[in-house]
């Protein structure tokens, strides 16, 4: 039996399993983050062997990695509906609801995922949780009046029954993290999110929020890698 002793080895194993779902001629969405990067590198090896794909990237970082591996990258508008997107997650629950955005690309990740016929999530087993919320929820916000928006995020978390509602600006006031779209990221430490659907709806209604890192109803299935191998969660 193959043993994957480290988190990085598990990420690579999950990526390799997702690559088996890629067929010649597909249009693909490429995710962002360390696990998605494993998939991009594995895909690059297949492309060099002759696999024909056309891809849309969810971040400038992923686009640069893909192009360095001779993976053809197109604007999403040029591809339309994608056959498949493969991406990572910061947390995934048994219903395939996700927290994403640790890499700061949640908006583009959600746009690409929503434009895909299927979305496969790849992750190491530490990302699998019973209830979302231990990982702080990223929320992409416009810079204007961002402190006011952050206060409203905290209020929404409290009203949605989260265990806590500490909101911080990623990077701090002196050097705020700026997304590819020119926005800020507010990270909301919820502790535990008992009702992701309710919180998602409340956040979506707040002016100043561009989007949030709750991905609900978008993932088709997940490949979760543990020390002893890769398991499939959900239905393809």
Protein backbone atom coordinates (compact mmCIF):
# COMPACT_ATOMS: atom_id res chain seq x y z
CA UNK A 1 0.00 0.00 0.00
CA UNK A 2 1.25 3.49 -0.89
CA UNK A 3 1.82 5.70 2.14
CA UNK A 4 1.58 9.50 1.94
CA UNK A 5 3.35 10.66 5.13
CA UNK A 6 3.23 14.44 4.56
CA UNK A 7 0.52 16.95 3.72
CA UNK A 8 2.35 17.88 0.52
CA UNK A 9 2.47 14.25 -0.60
CA UNK A 10 -1.25 13.94 0.08
CA UNK A 11 -2.01 17.05 -1.95
CA UNK A 12 -0.02 15.61 -4.85
CA UNK A 13 -1.87 12.30 -4.56
CA UNK A 14 -5.28 14.02 -4.67
CA UNK A 15 -4.16 16.05 -7.69
CA UNK A 16 -2.97 12.93 -9.49
CA UNK A 17 -6.36 11.28 -8.89
CA UNK A 18 -8.22 14.28 -10.30
CA UNK A 19 -6.04 14.20 -13.40
CA UNK A 20 -7.57 10.81 -14.22
CA UNK A 21 -10.89 12.62 -14.82
CA UNK A 22 -9.38 14.83 -17.53
CA UNK A 23 -10.01 13.75 -21.11
CA UNK A 24 -8.46 14.92 -24.35
CA UNK A 25 -10.14 18.01 -25.76
CA UNK A 26 -11.59 19.25 -22.47
CA UNK A 27 -11.90 22.85 -21.39
CA UNK A 28 -10.64 23.20 -17.82
CA UNK A 29 -10.70 25.67 -14.96
CA UNK A 30 -7.46 25.74 -12.99
CA UNK A 31 -7.68 26.62 -9.29
CA UNK A 32 -5.35 28.57 -7.06
CA UNK A 33 -3.28 27.50 -4.07
CA UNK A 34 -0.73 24.87 -3.15
CA UNK A 35 -2.95 21.86 -3.87
CA UNK A 36 -4.19 23.26 -7.18
CA UNK A 37 -0.57 23.94 -8.14
CA UNK A 38 0.13 20.21 -7.84
CA UNK A 39 -2.67 19.59 -10.32
CA UNK A 40 -1.36 22.23 -12.73
CA UNK A 41 2.13 20.72 -12.66
CA UNK A 42 0.74 17.22 -13.23
CA UNK A 43 -1.42 18.53 -16.06
CA UNK A 44 1.65 20.15 -17.60
CA UNK A 45 3.33 16.76 -17.79
CA UNK A 46 0.32 15.34 -19.62
CA UNK A 47 0.24 18.29 -22.01
CA UNK A 48 3.88 17.72 -22.89
CA UNK A 49 2.93 14.10 -23.65
CA UNK A 50 0.28 15.28 -26.12
CA UNK A 51 -2.92 15.90 -24.11
CA UNK A 52 -5.01 18.64 -25.74
CA UNK A 53 -6.81 20.97 -23.35
CA UNK A 54 -7.82 24.62 -23.18
CA UNK A 55 -7.78 26.23 -19.76
CA UNK A 56 -8.95 29.27 -17.82
CA UNK A 57 -6.99 30.27 -14.71
CA UNK A 58 -8.48 31.57 -11.48
CA UNK A 59 -5.53 33.86 -10.70
CA UNK A 60 -2.55 35.54 -12.29
CA UNK A 61 -0.33 33.23 -10.23
CA UNK A 62 -1.96 30.11 -11.66
CA UNK A 63 -1.89 31.53 -15.18
CA UNK A 64 1.84 32.18 -14.90
CA UNK A 65 2.52 28.65 -13.63
CA UNK A 66 0.40 27.09 -16.37
CA UNK A 67 2.04 29.10 -19.15
CA UNK A 68 5.49 28.14 -17.84
CA UNK A 69 4.43 24.52 -18.36
CA UNK A 70 3.09 25.16 -21.89
CA UNK A 71 -0.52 24.73 -20.79
CA UNK A 72 -2.69 26.91 -23.07
CA UNK A 73 -4.51 29.62 -21.12
CA UNK A 74 -7.53 31.54 -22.42
CA UNK A 75 -9.87 34.14 -21.02
CA UNK A 76 -12.99 32.50 -19.59
CA UNK A 77 -15.12 34.58 -21.95
CA UNK A 78 -13.40 32.88 -24.89
CA UNK A 79 -14.17 29.39 -23.59
CA UNK A 80 -17.72 29.77 -22.30
CA UNK A 81 -18.96 26.84 -20.22
CA UNK A 82 -16.08 24.70 -18.97
CA UNK A 83 -16.14 20.93 -18.87
CA UNK A 84 -14.36 20.70 -15.52
CA UNK A 85 -12.68 22.82 -12.86
CA UNK A 86 -10.18 21.36 -10.40
CA UNK A 87 -9.42 23.41 -7.32
CA UNK A 88 -8.45 23.10 -3.67
CA UNK A 89 -10.27 24.18 -0.53
CA UNK A 90 -9.40 25.48 2.91
CA UNK A 91 -12.22 23.44 4.45
CA UNK A 92 -14.74 20.95 3.09
CA UNK A 93 -17.71 19.49 4.98
CA UNK A 94 -19.64 16.25 4.33
CA UNK A 95 -22.14 18.12 2.10
CA UNK A 96 -19.30 19.41 -0.11
CA UNK A 97 -19.78 22.94 1.17
CA UNK A 98 -16.46 24.75 1.19
CA UNK A 99 -14.47 27.60 2.65
CA UNK A 100 -12.14 29.00 0.00
CA UNK A 101 -10.08 32.13 -0.39
CA UNK A 102 -7.01 31.46 1.71
CA UNK A 103 -4.97 32.27 -1.39
CA UNK A 104 -6.95 35.43 -2.03
CA UNK A 105 -8.53 34.31 -5.33
CA UNK A 106 -12.05 33.49 -4.15
CA UNK A 107 -13.90 35.78 -6.56
CA UNK A 108 -12.30 34.41 -9.71
CA UNK A 109 -12.46 30.88 -8.28
CA UNK A 110 -16.21 31.22 -7.77
CA UNK A 111 -16.77 32.72 -11.23
CA UNK A 112 -14.86 29.88 -12.87
CA UNK A 113 -16.54 27.21 -10.73
CA UNK A 114 -19.99 28.56 -11.56
CA UNK A 115 -19.13 28.40 -15.27
CA UNK A 116 -18.21 24.69 -15.07
CA UNK A 117 -20.27 21.58 -15.71
CA UNK A 118 -18.39 19.83 -12.91
CA UNK A 119 -16.08 20.93 -10.09
CA UNK A 120 -13.65 18.56 -8.43
CA UNK A 121 -12.11 19.60 -5.12
CA UNK A 122 -8.74 18.15 -4.18
CA UNK A 123 -7.43 18.32 -0.62
CA UNK A 124 -5.46 16.59 2.08
CA UNK A 125 -7.48 15.04 4.87
CA UNK A 126 -6.81 17.90 7.31
CA UNK A 127 -9.15 20.06 5.20
CA UNK A 128 -12.10 17.70 5.76
CA UNK A 129 -14.27 18.88 8.67
CA UNK A 130 -17.68 18.08 10.10
CA UNK A 131 -18.63 21.78 10.44
CA UNK A 132 -17.11 24.73 8.60
CA UNK A 133 -15.58 27.64 10.46
CA UNK A 134 -12.29 26.75 12.11
CA UNK A 135 -10.54 28.30 9.10
CA UNK A 136 -11.29 32.05 9.05
CA UNK A 137 -13.79 32.88 6.32
CA UNK A 138 -12.31 35.17 3.63
CA UNK A 139 -14.59 37.92 2.38
CA UNK A 140 -13.56 40.05 -0.61
CA UNK A 141 -14.49 43.71 -0.07
CA UNK A 142 -14.02 47.01 -1.86
CA UNK A 143 -11.44 49.35 -0.29
CA UNK A 144 -13.93 52.22 0.12
CA UNK A 145 -15.27 52.31 3.71
CA UNK A 146 -13.80 48.89 4.33
CA UNK A 147 -13.93 49.30 8.10
CA UNK A 148 -17.68 49.87 7.91
CA UNK A 149 -18.05 46.79 5.74
CA UNK A 150 -15.95 44.75 8.16
CA UNK A 151 -18.23 45.77 11.03
CA UNK A 152 -21.25 44.60 9.07
CA UNK A 153 -19.51 41.28 8.37
CA UNK A 154 -19.02 40.81 12.12
CA UNK A 155 -22.67 41.63 12.77
CA UNK A 156 -23.81 39.14 10.12
CA UNK A 157 -21.66 36.38 11.62
CA UNK A 158 -23.18 37.01 15.03
CA UNK A 159 -26.73 37.04 13.66
CA UNK A 160 -26.06 33.79 11.77
CA UNK A 161 -25.17 32.05 15.05
CA UNK A 162 -21.43 31.75 14.57
CA UNK A 163 -19.41 30.96 17.67
CA UNK A 164 -17.43 34.19 17.27
CA UNK A 165 -17.12 37.10 14.85
CA UNK A 166 -13.61 38.55 14.88
CA UNK A 167 -12.92 40.27 11.55
CA UNK A 168 -9.41 41.36 10.53
CA UNK A 169 -8.04 43.01 7.40
CA UNK A 170 -5.61 40.66 5.66
CA UNK A 171 -2.18 42.29 5.63
CA UNK A 172 -3.22 45.01 8.08
CA UNK A 173 -3.90 48.69 7.49
CA UNK A 174 -0.31 49.51 6.55
CA UNK A 175 0.03 46.84 3.85
CA UNK A 176 -3.40 45.41 3.00
CA UNK A 177 -3.50 42.38 0.76
CA UNK A 178 -4.87 43.34 -2.66
CA UNK A 179 -6.58 40.77 -4.88
CA UNK A 180 -6.11 40.44 -8.63
CA UNK A 181 -9.34 42.43 -8.92
CA UNK A 182 -8.04 45.30 -6.80
CA UNK A 183 -10.05 44.49 -3.67
CA UNK A 184 -9.21 43.78 -0.03
CA UNK A 185 -9.74 40.56 1.92
CA UNK A 186 -11.40 40.61 5.34
CA UNK A 187 -10.94 37.36 7.28
CA UNK A 188 -13.79 36.52 9.65
CA UNK A 189 -12.84 34.12 12.45
CA UNK A 190 -16.21 32.48 13.00
CA UNK A 191 -15.00 29.58 15.14
CA UNK A 192 -17.92 27.49 13.90
CA UNK A 193 -20.50 28.21 11.18
CA UNK A 194 -23.67 26.29 12.07
CA UNK A 195 -25.67 27.47 9.05
CA UNK A 196 -23.46 28.29 6.03
CA UNK A 197 -26.44 28.97 3.76
CA UNK A 198 -27.84 31.64 6.07
CA UNK A 199 -24.48 33.34 6.54
CA UNK A 200 -23.83 33.26 2.78
CA UNK A 201 -27.16 34.95 2.08
CA UNK A 202 -26.56 37.62 4.72
CA UNK A 203 -23.07 38.42 3.42
CA UNK A 204 -24.35 38.62 -0.16
CA UNK A 205 -26.77 41.36 0.88
CA UNK A 206 -24.13 43.70 2.37
CA UNK A 207 -23.01 46.60 0.14
CA UNK A 208 -19.23 46.70 -0.11
CA UNK A 209 -18.86 42.92 -0.21
CA UNK A 210 -17.76 41.71 -3.62
CA UNK A 211 -18.10 38.02 -2.71
CA UNK A 212 -17.37 35.60 0.12
CA UNK A 213 -15.49 32.36 0.54
CA UNK A 214 -18.48 30.12 1.22
CA UNK A 215 -18.85 27.85 -1.81
CA UNK A 216 -22.18 26.07 -1.50
CA UNK A 217 -23.66 23.77 -4.13
CA UNK A 218 -20.74 24.19 -6.52
CA UNK A 219 -18.55 21.12 -5.87
CA UNK A 220 -19.49 17.93 -7.73
CA UNK A 221 -17.14 15.68 -5.79
CA UNK A 222 -13.90 15.74 -3.84
CA UNK A 223 -10.78 13.65 -3.72
CA UNK A 224 -9.46 13.65 -0.16
CA UNK A 225 -5.99 12.22 0.42
CA UNK A 226 -4.98 10.70 3.73
CA UNK A 227 -1.87 8.84 4.79
CA UNK A 228 -3.17 5.59 3.34
CA UNK A 229 -4.61 6.82 0.05
CA UNK A 230 -7.23 8.91 -1.74
CA UNK A 231 -10.96 8.63 -1.08
CA UNK A 232 -13.81 10.06 -3.13
CA UNK A 233 -16.48 12.17 -1.47
CA UNK A 234 -19.75 13.00 -3.20
CA UNK A 235 -20.97 11.95 -6.60
CA UNK A 236 -19.44 12.75 -9.95
